[in-house]
Amino acid sequence: MTTADRILADLAAVVRRAFPDRDFPDAVSDDTRVIGDLGLASIDVVVLAEQLGNHYGKPLPFGAFLKGLRERGADDITLGELVRFLQAHV
């Protein structure tokens, strides 16, 4: 299993690579929101999902992950939620 710290570092690198023209905060945490704090749009989340699959070399079930978030009424994703999802699937 990949550690949460390693996944968070991977995630930061993938976000910076996928969106090189954006200015992201240097410090992020489990509570950092993908849309609210990083400024990504919903279409950017789709791009991020694809880039993470490429980074880890396998397709990831992001559709099911996002559906679960919508069903519970979440309107944003925290990096902690994303890290836990990746821990379960990489």
Protein backbone atom coordinates (compact mmCIF):
# COMPACT_ATOMS: atom_id res chain seq x y z
CA MET A 1 0.00 0.00 0.00
CA THR A 2 1.24 3.47 -0.83
CA THR A 3 1.56 5.88 2.08
CA ALA A 4 -0.68 8.90 2.35
CA ASP A 5 2.30 11.27 2.35
CA ARG A 6 3.69 9.72 -0.85
CA ILE A 7 0.28 9.94 -2.55
CA LEU A 8 -0.15 13.57 -1.46
CA ALA A 9 3.28 14.37 -2.96
CA ASP A 10 2.37 12.49 -6.16
CA LEU A 11 -0.93 14.34 -6.30
CA ALA A 12 0.78 17.74 -5.95
CA ALA A 13 3.21 16.86 -8.74
CA VAL A 14 0.45 15.63 -11.07
CA VAL A 15 -1.68 18.74 -10.44
CA ARG A 16 1.25 21.04 -11.18
CA ARG A 17 2.11 19.08 -14.36
CA ALA A 18 -1.51 18.91 -15.58
CA PHE A 19 -2.15 22.62 -15.02
CA PRO A 20 1.20 24.36 -15.53
CA ASP A 21 -0.33 27.82 -16.07
CA ARG A 22 -2.06 27.86 -12.69
CA ASP A 23 -0.65 29.23 -9.46
CA PHE A 24 -1.26 26.69 -6.69
CA PRO A 25 -0.48 27.15 -3.00
CA ASP A 26 2.84 25.68 -1.89
CA ALA A 27 1.36 24.10 1.22
CA VAL A 28 -1.60 21.75 1.00
CA SER A 29 -3.18 19.41 3.52
CA ASP A 30 -5.88 16.77 3.75
CA ASP A 31 -8.43 19.58 4.19
CA THR A 32 -7.42 21.43 1.01
CA ARG A 33 -10.41 21.52 -1.33
CA VAL A 34 -9.83 20.72 -5.00
CA ILE A 35 -12.37 23.24 -6.30
CA GLY A 36 -12.58 25.78 -3.47
CA ASP A 37 -8.89 26.05 -2.58
CA LEU A 38 -7.02 24.89 -5.69
CA GLY A 39 -9.44 26.62 -8.04
CA LEU A 40 -10.04 23.64 -10.32
CA ALA A 41 -13.32 23.43 -12.24
CA SER A 42 -15.32 20.23 -12.57
CA ILE A 43 -13.86 19.60 -16.04
CA ASP A 44 -10.40 19.99 -14.51
CA VAL A 45 -11.25 17.18 -12.09
CA VAL A 46 -11.87 14.94 -15.12
CA VAL A 47 -8.46 15.92 -16.53
CA LEU A 48 -6.87 15.30 -13.14
CA ALA A 49 -8.47 11.84 -12.95
CA GLU A 50 -7.03 10.96 -16.36
CA GLN A 51 -3.59 12.27 -15.42
CA LEU A 52 -3.58 10.31 -12.16
CA GLY A 53 -4.44 7.14 -14.06
CA ASN A 54 -1.52 7.85 -16.39
CA HIS A 55 0.78 8.57 -13.46
CA TYR A 56 -0.05 5.28 -11.74
CA GLY A 57 -0.17 3.36 -15.02
CA LYS A 58 -3.71 2.06 -14.65
CA PRO A 59 -7.30 3.20 -15.00
CA LEU A 60 -8.87 4.31 -11.76
CA PRO A 61 -12.61 4.10 -10.94
CA PHE A 62 -13.11 7.85 -10.63
CA GLY A 63 -16.67 7.64 -11.94
CA ALA A 64 -17.76 5.58 -8.94
CA PHE A 65 -15.78 7.82 -6.58
CA LEU A 66 -17.40 11.00 -7.89
CA LYS A 67 -20.85 9.39 -7.92
CA GLY A 68 -20.43 8.50 -4.25
CA LEU A 69 -19.50 12.08 -3.44
CA ARG A 70 -22.54 13.43 -5.32
CA GLU A 71 -24.85 10.95 -3.59
CA ARG A 72 -23.78 12.21 -0.19
CA GLY A 73 -24.25 15.81 -1.31
CA ALA A 74 -20.59 16.84 -1.50
CA ASP A 75 -19.93 19.78 -3.79
CA ASP A 76 -16.14 19.62 -3.52
CA ILE A 77 -13.41 17.05 -2.94
CA THR A 78 -10.75 17.37 -0.26
CA LEU A 79 -7.25 16.14 -0.94
CA GLY A 80 -7.71 13.78 2.02
CA GLU A 81 -10.67 12.12 0.29
CA LEU A 82 -8.69 11.87 -2.92
CA VAL A 83 -5.66 10.42 -1.11
CA ARG A 84 -7.81 7.76 0.58
CA PHE A 85 -9.38 6.88 -2.77
CA LEU A 86 -5.95 6.52 -4.36
CA GLN A 87 -4.66 4.45 -1.43
CA ALA A 88 -7.47 2.00 -2.05
CA HIS A 89 -6.84 1.75 -5.80
CA VAL A 90 -3.09 2.03 -6.46
